[in-house]
Amino acid sequence: MAWNQPGNNGQDNDPWGNGKNKKPSDFFSKVNGFLKKNTSAGGGGIGKAKLPINLPIIIGGILFIIIVIWAISGFYTINQSQRGVITRFGQVQQEIIQPGLNWNPPLIDSVYTVDTQGTKNFNVKGSMITAGENLVFVEMNVQYRISNPIKYLFNVTNVEDSLRQAADSALRTEIGSSNMDAILTDGRSLLEAHTKDELVNIISNYDMGISIVDLNFQSVRPPEQVQDAFNDAIKAREDREREINKAEADKVQLVQQAEGRSARILADANAYRVRVEFEAEGDISRFEKLLPLYNSAPEITKERLYIDTMERILAKTNKVMVNEQGGNLLVLPLEQLLKSKDISNTPLTEQFKLNSSNGYQMNFSTPEAKSPSNSSSTDNSSGRSNSSNTTRTGR
């Protein structure tokens, strides 16, 4: 049956209560009362109530607390050895944040800290082929420092991996152009310098924002199969270097000794020169003093000079030659005569032995027979005086 049919005696079944005699339903009454309670105080109607807490104040307080937390969370600290890089909405800012307390708006800026004072390092190792087609195992340590934080963070995706590959490439390039002896011995320092230059040249194309601090070889050795042979070769090379150094030291010592001897000879020569010059000057002075005497008495001065000269000459010789008047040359062995005089007090047997060894015979005559010999000796001595006088007069 329809809710609004004729003949219903005015009792319509209108669900909305539009009937004249129908009261509002309880549901709509409750909704209307709730709306009246939540009406703002400015309505001023009868039956309208105020809220116990102001809703805008609550919302403002919540927003203030959120803003304070957001602002506080923006403070950060950069250490002394670090530098900061900011990205704002993903865009890199060129300003480098210095050490200290800083602030950035959270959720807008992002801060990346980079250690620019410390040194990082890594090792590169592997077996490589030398210029002589020899196999050698090399382990190299590379130390680097960040010089530009922006380039370090954003120019290359993985700086250490890229640097490791560049170092391996530079090392293989230099090892491949060097021989085995240079790598294992005295050419290692030069090889390290060339490898560092090659590595710097490679990474300069990538602009990584880093600088190479140091590069050195940790281990360089041949394969284990030929290690003993290389040890023997290195030992032989060390022995050769040691012998060369010893020879150099001996050469220096001999040169110093020769220089000392030459200096001593030169000093002696100079001393002899000075002595001869002084003696010559003394002779000149002496002859200059004798010149007045010679001018006054030439013969007496000549005789005196002759006697002095012969005295000096005969004092240095052991034999005297005397020219006899008959033209015979008499040799007087003064040395042997002096020796005979020294042994005159020895026994006869000893005198015989000594004179026999010297080639002379002893005279065992009686004392009476010795007088003629003494007279002959006197005659000979007087003859020597006469001959010497004759010689001087003849001169």
Protein backbone atom coordinates (compact mmCIF):
# COMPACT_ATOMS: atom_id res chain seq x y z
CA MET A 1 0.00 0.00 0.00
CA ALA A 2 1.43 3.37 -0.95
CA TRP A 3 2.35 5.72 1.78
CA ASN A 4 0.15 8.56 0.41
CA GLN A 5 -3.11 7.08 -0.85
CA PRO A 6 -6.51 8.74 -0.93
CA GLY A 7 -8.87 7.72 1.76
CA ASN A 8 -6.16 7.27 4.30
CA ASN A 9 -7.93 9.56 6.69
CA GLY A 10 -5.18 12.11 6.56
CA GLN A 11 -2.64 9.72 7.94
CA ASP A 12 0.09 9.84 5.39
CA ASN A 13 3.11 7.64 5.88
CA ASP A 14 5.60 10.36 4.86
CA PRO A 15 9.05 9.16 5.99
CA TRP A 16 10.35 12.76 6.23
CA GLY A 17 7.64 13.79 8.58
CA ASN A 18 6.19 16.42 6.35
CA GLY A 19 2.81 15.81 7.79
CA LYS A 20 1.20 18.68 9.58
CA ASN A 21 0.58 16.85 12.78
CA LYS A 22 3.82 14.74 12.74
CA LYS A 23 6.74 15.66 15.10
CA PRO A 24 10.31 15.56 13.89
CA SER A 25 12.01 12.20 14.27
CA ASP A 26 14.51 11.60 17.05
CA PHE A 27 17.47 11.18 14.59
CA PHE A 28 17.12 14.60 13.05
CA SER A 29 16.63 16.12 16.46
CA LYS A 30 19.95 14.77 17.66
CA VAL A 31 21.79 15.98 14.56
CA ASN A 32 20.31 19.43 14.93
CA GLY A 33 21.29 19.61 18.60
CA PHE A 34 24.86 18.58 17.81
CA LEU A 35 25.15 21.28 15.15
CA LYS A 36 23.85 23.88 17.55
CA LYS A 37 26.48 22.93 20.15
CA ASN A 38 29.30 23.33 17.63
CA THR A 39 28.12 26.74 16.44
CA SER A 40 30.62 29.49 17.18
CA ALA A 41 29.99 31.87 20.05
CA GLY A 42 29.26 34.75 17.67
CA GLY A 43 25.82 33.25 16.91
CA GLY A 44 24.39 34.47 20.20
CA GLY A 45 21.22 32.44 19.84
CA ILE A 46 19.29 31.01 22.77
CA GLY A 47 20.26 27.47 23.52
CA LYS A 48 23.67 27.72 21.74
CA ALA A 49 26.72 26.54 23.94
CA LYS A 50 30.50 27.50 23.66
CA LEU A 51 33.35 24.98 23.26
CA PRO A 52 35.48 24.43 26.39
CA ILE A 53 38.84 24.65 24.34
CA ASN A 54 39.54 27.03 21.44
CA LEU A 55 40.37 24.94 18.34
CA PRO A 56 42.49 27.63 16.51
CA ILE A 57 44.75 27.99 19.54
CA ILE A 58 45.36 24.23 19.56
CA ILE A 59 46.17 24.18 15.89
CA GLY A 60 48.52 27.21 16.24
CA GLY A 61 50.35 25.59 19.16
CA ILE A 62 50.89 22.40 17.22
CA LEU A 63 52.22 24.35 14.26
CA PHE A 64 54.59 26.33 16.52
CA ILE A 65 55.99 23.18 18.07
CA ILE A 66 56.56 21.69 14.62
CA ILE A 67 58.36 24.87 13.47
CA VAL A 68 60.59 24.88 16.57
CA ILE A 69 61.56 21.24 16.07
CA TRP A 70 62.23 21.88 12.39
CA ALA A 71 64.44 24.89 13.18
CA ILE A 72 66.41 23.08 15.89
CA SER A 73 67.03 20.09 13.68
CA GLY A 74 68.77 22.38 11.16
CA PHE A 75 71.84 22.98 13.35
CA TYR A 76 74.94 20.88 12.63
CA THR A 77 78.69 20.99 13.32
CA ILE A 78 81.62 20.67 10.88
CA ASN A 79 84.87 19.36 12.36
CA GLN A 80 88.19 21.13 11.86
CA SER A 81 89.45 18.56 9.35
CA GLN A 82 86.18 18.53 7.40
CA ARG A 83 84.41 20.69 4.85
CA GLY A 84 80.70 20.73 3.97
CA VAL A 85 78.86 20.73 0.64
CA ILE A 86 75.18 21.76 0.37
CA THR A 87 72.56 20.61 -2.12
CA ARG A 88 69.32 22.64 -2.20
CA PHE A 89 66.41 20.70 -3.67
CA GLY A 90 69.08 18.48 -5.27
CA GLN A 91 71.02 21.40 -6.79
CA VAL A 92 74.68 21.61 -5.74
CA GLN A 93 75.67 24.91 -4.13
CA GLN A 94 79.18 26.20 -4.85
CA GLU A 95 79.71 27.46 -1.31
CA ILE A 96 82.02 25.32 0.83
CA ILE A 97 80.90 25.12 4.47
CA GLN A 98 83.77 25.86 6.85
CA PRO A 99 84.36 24.19 10.24
CA GLY A 100 82.16 25.27 13.15
CA LEU A 101 78.46 25.45 14.06
CA ASN A 102 76.21 25.95 11.03
CA TRP A 103 72.49 25.88 10.20
CA ASN A 104 70.52 24.83 7.16
CA PRO A 105 66.80 24.50 6.57
CA PRO A 106 65.89 20.82 6.98
CA LEU A 107 64.02 19.08 4.16
CA ILE A 108 65.28 21.85 1.86
CA ASP A 109 69.08 21.59 2.11
CA SER A 110 71.19 18.47 2.45
CA VAL A 111 74.73 18.68 3.85
CA TYR A 112 77.59 16.33 2.88
CA THR A 113 80.73 16.39 5.04
CA VAL A 114 84.10 15.45 3.54
CA ASP A 115 87.45 14.98 5.33
CA THR A 116 89.92 17.17 3.43
CA GLN A 117 92.86 16.98 5.87
CA GLY A 118 93.29 13.26 6.33
CA THR A 119 95.11 10.95 3.94
CA LYS A 120 93.47 7.91 2.40
CA ASN A 121 95.32 4.97 0.88
CA PHE A 122 94.78 1.71 -0.95
CA ASN A 123 96.93 -1.06 -2.45
CA VAL A 124 97.22 -2.26 -6.02
CA LYS A 125 98.92 -5.59 -6.67
CA GLY A 126 99.24 -8.23 -9.35
CA SER A 127 101.60 -10.11 -11.68
CA MET A 128 102.79 -8.07 -14.64
CA ILE A 129 104.99 -8.49 -17.72
CA THR A 130 108.19 -6.45 -18.01
CA ALA A 131 109.84 -5.12 -21.16
CA GLY A 132 111.99 -8.28 -21.38
CA GLU A 133 108.89 -10.47 -21.20
CA ASN A 134 109.61 -11.50 -17.62
CA LEU A 135 106.90 -12.03 -15.07
CA VAL A 136 107.13 -10.00 -11.84
CA PHE A 137 104.78 -9.59 -8.89
CA VAL A 138 104.28 -5.97 -7.77
CA GLU A 139 102.33 -4.53 -4.84
CA MET A 140 101.97 -0.75 -4.75
CA ASN A 141 100.50 1.57 -2.12
CA VAL A 142 98.83 4.84 -3.20
CA GLN A 143 98.09 7.68 -0.78
CA TYR A 144 95.79 10.54 -1.74
CA ARG A 145 93.99 13.53 -0.21
CA ILE A 146 90.73 15.28 -1.15
CA SER A 147 91.48 18.72 -2.56
CA ASN A 148 88.01 19.76 -3.85
CA PRO A 149 84.98 18.37 -1.95
CA ILE A 150 82.43 19.29 -4.66
CA LYS A 151 84.34 17.53 -7.43
CA TYR A 152 85.07 14.58 -5.15
CA LEU A 153 81.37 14.07 -4.37
CA PHE A 154 79.70 14.75 -7.71
CA ASN A 155 82.18 14.51 -10.63
CA VAL A 156 82.79 10.76 -10.31
CA THR A 157 80.40 8.12 -9.05
CA ASN A 158 83.03 6.05 -7.16
CA VAL A 159 86.29 7.90 -6.68
CA GLU A 160 88.27 5.11 -5.02
CA ASP A 161 87.30 2.51 -7.61
CA SER A 162 88.15 4.88 -10.45
CA LEU A 163 91.45 5.80 -8.79
CA ARG A 164 92.28 2.13 -8.24
CA GLN A 165 91.76 1.36 -11.92
CA ALA A 166 93.85 4.39 -12.94
CA ALA A 167 96.67 3.31 -10.59
CA ASP A 168 96.63 -0.23 -11.99
CA SER A 169 96.79 1.15 -15.52
CA ALA A 170 99.70 3.47 -14.70
CA LEU A 171 101.58 0.69 -12.91
CA ARG A 172 101.21 -1.77 -15.79
CA THR A 173 102.30 0.92 -18.26
CA GLU A 174 105.54 1.63 -16.39
CA ILE A 175 106.31 -2.01 -15.58
CA GLY A 176 105.77 -2.94 -19.22
CA SER A 177 108.36 -0.37 -20.33
CA SER A 178 111.05 -1.32 -17.74
CA ASN A 179 113.44 -4.25 -17.57
CA MET A 180 113.67 -6.76 -14.75
CA ASP A 181 116.98 -5.56 -13.29
CA ALA A 182 115.81 -1.97 -12.99
CA ILE A 183 112.60 -3.05 -11.25
CA LEU A 184 114.30 -5.30 -8.70
CA THR A 185 117.38 -3.19 -7.92
CA ASP A 186 118.41 0.45 -8.04
CA GLY A 187 115.81 1.56 -10.59
CA ARG A 188 112.87 1.18 -8.22
CA SER A 189 112.85 4.79 -6.98
CA LEU A 190 112.89 6.10 -10.54
CA LEU A 191 110.08 3.71 -11.47
CA GLU A 192 107.98 4.96 -8.54
CA ALA A 193 108.41 8.56 -9.69
CA HIS A 194 107.41 7.71 -13.28
CA THR A 195 104.37 5.74 -12.08
CA LYS A 196 103.23 8.67 -9.92
CA ASP A 197 103.55 11.08 -12.86
CA GLU A 198 101.59 8.71 -15.09
CA LEU A 199 98.83 8.34 -12.47
CA VAL A 200 98.53 12.12 -12.02
CA ASN A 201 98.31 12.49 -15.79
CA ILE A 202 95.48 9.93 -15.97
CA ILE A 203 93.30 11.29 -13.16
CA SER A 204 93.68 14.87 -14.38
CA ASN A 205 91.31 13.99 -17.25
CA TYR A 206 88.60 12.88 -14.80
CA ASP A 207 88.88 15.93 -12.51
CA MET A 208 88.17 13.88 -9.37
CA GLY A 209 89.05 16.63 -6.92
CA ILE A 210 91.88 14.63 -5.31
CA SER A 211 95.68 14.97 -5.17
CA ILE A 212 98.24 12.14 -5.00
CA VAL A 213 100.33 12.46 -1.83
CA ASP A 214 102.70 9.53 -2.20
CA LEU A 215 103.21 6.32 -4.12
CA ASN A 216 105.61 3.51 -3.19
CA PHE A 217 106.19 -0.14 -3.96
CA GLN A 218 105.47 -2.43 -1.03
CA SER A 219 106.77 -5.58 -2.68
CA VAL A 220 108.54 -6.34 -5.95
CA ARG A 221 109.65 -9.91 -6.53
CA PRO A 222 109.97 -12.45 -9.32
CA PRO A 223 107.88 -15.60 -9.45
CA GLU A 224 108.63 -18.21 -6.79
CA GLN A 225 109.94 -20.66 -9.41
CA VAL A 226 112.94 -18.44 -10.19
CA GLN A 227 113.29 -16.71 -6.83
CA ASP A 228 116.54 -18.53 -5.93
CA ALA A 229 118.21 -17.59 -9.22
CA PHE A 230 117.29 -13.97 -8.77
CA ASN A 231 118.59 -14.01 -5.20
CA ASP A 232 121.94 -15.29 -6.48
CA ALA A 233 122.02 -12.59 -9.14
CA ILE A 234 121.24 -9.89 -6.57
CA LYS A 235 123.95 -11.24 -4.25
CA ALA A 236 126.49 -11.17 -7.08
CA ARG A 237 125.50 -7.63 -7.93
CA GLU A 238 125.90 -6.59 -4.29
CA ASP A 239 129.35 -8.22 -4.20
CA ARG A 240 130.32 -6.30 -7.30
CA GLU A 241 129.14 -3.03 -5.78
CA ARG A 242 131.04 -3.78 -2.58
CA GLU A 243 134.27 -4.50 -4.48
CA ILE A 244 133.84 -1.34 -6.52
CA ASN A 245 133.35 0.71 -3.37
CA LYS A 246 136.40 -0.91 -1.79
CA ALA A 247 138.49 -0.12 -4.88
CA GLU A 248 137.27 3.45 -4.82
CA ALA A 249 138.24 3.74 -1.16
CA ASP A 250 141.70 2.28 -1.89
CA LYS A 251 142.12 4.68 -4.78
CA VAL A 252 141.26 7.63 -2.59
CA GLN A 253 143.71 6.43 0.06
CA LEU A 254 146.53 5.95 -2.46
CA VAL A 255 145.87 9.33 -4.02
CA GLN A 256 146.01 10.96 -0.59
CA GLN A 257 149.26 9.17 0.22
CA ALA A 258 150.78 10.19 -3.12
CA GLU A 259 149.68 13.76 -2.56
CA GLY A 260 151.27 13.66 0.89
CA ARG A 261 154.54 12.33 -0.50
CA SER A 262 154.57 14.88 -3.29
CA ALA A 263 153.88 17.66 -0.79
CA ARG A 264 156.72 16.40 1.39
CA ILE A 265 159.11 16.22 -1.60
CA LEU A 266 158.15 19.72 -2.66
CA ALA A 267 158.69 20.96 0.88
CA ASP A 268 162.13 19.29 0.98
CA ALA A 269 163.00 20.76 -2.41
CA ASN A 270 161.97 24.20 -1.30
CA ALA A 271 163.96 23.82 1.90
CA TYR A 272 167.01 22.66 -0.07
CA ARG A 273 166.63 25.59 -2.44
CA VAL A 274 166.46 28.02 0.44
CA ARG A 275 169.49 26.39 2.10
CA VAL A 276 171.56 26.52 -1.11
CA GLU A 277 170.59 30.12 -1.66
CA PHE A 278 171.62 31.00 1.88
CA GLU A 279 174.90 29.11 1.51
CA ALA A 280 175.59 30.88 -1.78
CA GLU A 281 174.84 34.21 -0.15
CA GLY A 282 177.20 33.23 2.69
CA ASP A 283 179.95 32.29 0.23
CA ILE A 284 179.46 35.57 -1.57
CA SER A 285 179.75 37.46 1.70
CA ARG A 286 182.85 35.49 2.67
CA PHE A 287 184.56 36.06 -0.67
CA GLU A 288 183.67 39.72 -0.51
CA LYS A 289 185.43 39.87 2.86
CA LEU A 290 188.46 37.99 1.45
CA LEU A 291 188.77 40.26 -1.53
CA PRO A 292 190.57 43.08 0.35
CA LEU A 293 192.97 40.51 1.86
CA TYR A 294 193.64 39.02 -1.55
CA ASN A 295 194.32 42.42 -3.01
CA SER A 296 196.84 43.17 -0.25
CA ALA A 297 198.58 39.71 -0.21
CA PRO A 298 197.62 37.48 -3.14
CA GLU A 299 200.13 34.63 -2.54
CA ILE A 300 199.41 34.27 1.15
CA THR A 301 195.68 34.34 0.52
CA LYS A 302 195.94 31.66 -2.19
CA GLU A 303 198.01 29.44 0.15
CA ARG A 304 195.45 29.82 2.93
CA LEU A 305 192.51 29.05 0.63
CA TYR A 306 194.29 25.97 -0.71
CA ILE A 307 195.03 24.63 2.74
CA ASP A 308 191.45 25.17 3.91
CA THR A 309 190.08 23.47 0.81
CA MET A 310 192.32 20.43 1.08
CA GLU A 311 191.46 20.13 4.76
CA ARG A 312 187.77 19.94 3.98
CA ILE A 313 188.31 17.45 1.12
CA LEU A 314 190.68 15.12 2.98
CA ALA A 315 188.41 15.08 6.01
CA LYS A 316 185.74 13.34 3.90
CA THR A 317 187.91 10.67 2.18
CA ASN A 318 189.47 7.45 3.45
CA LYS A 319 192.41 7.36 0.97
CA VAL A 320 195.12 9.91 0.26
CA MET A 321 197.07 9.95 -3.03
CA VAL A 322 200.59 11.44 -2.85
CA ASN A 323 202.75 12.15 -5.90
CA GLU A 324 206.40 11.20 -5.22
CA GLN A 325 209.28 13.07 -6.80
CA GLY A 326 210.12 10.00 -8.91
CA GLY A 327 206.70 10.09 -10.59
CA ASN A 328 205.19 7.19 -8.59
CA LEU A 329 201.70 7.53 -7.10
CA LEU A 330 201.50 6.54 -3.44
CA VAL A 331 198.10 5.54 -2.02
CA LEU A 332 197.67 5.74 1.72
CA PRO A 333 194.62 3.71 2.94
CA LEU A 334 193.87 5.76 6.01
CA GLU A 335 190.89 3.64 6.96
CA GLN A 336 192.93 0.45 7.05
CA LEU A 337 195.74 2.19 8.88
CA LEU A 338 193.32 3.40 11.52
CA LYS A 339 191.93 -0.09 11.91
CA SER A 340 195.47 -1.49 12.25
CA LYS A 341 196.16 1.12 14.91
CA ASP A 342 193.03 0.05 16.79
CA ILE A 343 194.10 -3.62 16.87
CA SER A 344 197.71 -2.95 17.84
CA ASN A 345 196.87 -3.85 21.43
CA THR A 346 195.18 -7.18 20.56
CA PRO A 347 196.98 -10.57 20.78
CA LEU A 348 199.18 -11.67 17.86
CA THR A 349 196.85 -14.49 16.82
CA GLU A 350 193.92 -12.07 16.59
CA GLN A 351 196.06 -9.58 14.64
CA PHE A 352 197.06 -12.32 12.24
CA LYS A 353 193.43 -13.29 11.65
CA LEU A 354 192.31 -9.73 11.16
CA ASN A 355 195.12 -8.76 8.81
CA SER A 356 194.81 -12.00 6.86
CA SER A 357 191.14 -11.27 6.31
CA ASN A 358 192.03 -7.76 5.12
CA GLY A 359 194.72 -9.03 2.73
CA TYR A 360 197.78 -7.83 4.72
CA GLN A 361 200.63 -9.83 6.24
CA MET A 362 201.89 -9.30 9.75
CA ASN A 363 205.60 -8.63 10.40
CA PHE A 364 206.85 -10.86 13.25
CA SER A 365 210.42 -9.42 13.31
CA THR A 366 212.36 -8.72 16.47
CA PRO A 367 212.30 -5.31 18.14
CA GLU A 368 215.71 -4.57 16.78
CA ALA A 369 214.45 -5.13 13.24
CA LYS A 370 211.64 -2.68 13.74
CA SER A 371 213.90 0.36 13.93
CA PRO A 372 214.67 0.47 10.19
CA SER A 373 210.99 0.29 9.49
CA ASN A 374 210.45 3.15 11.85
CA SER A 375 213.13 5.14 10.09
CA SER A 376 211.58 4.28 6.76
CA SER A 377 208.24 5.40 8.08
CA THR A 378 209.90 8.62 9.14
CA ASP A 379 211.43 8.95 5.73
CA ASN A 380 208.13 8.22 4.06
CA SER A 381 206.39 10.75 6.20
CA SER A 382 209.06 13.32 5.43
CA GLY A 383 208.75 12.33 1.79
CA ARG A 384 205.05 12.91 1.96
CA SER A 385 205.70 16.31 3.43
CA ASN A 386 208.16 17.13 0.75
CA SER A 387 205.91 15.82 -1.97
CA SER A 388 202.98 17.76 -0.60
CA ASN A 389 205.14 20.85 -0.47
CA THR A 390 206.33 20.18 -3.96
CA THR A 391 202.82 19.71 -5.18
CA ARG A 392 201.67 22.92 -3.59
CA THR A 393 204.63 24.80 -4.99
CA GLY A 394 204.07 23.38 -8.45
CA ARG A 395 200.49 24.41 -8.32
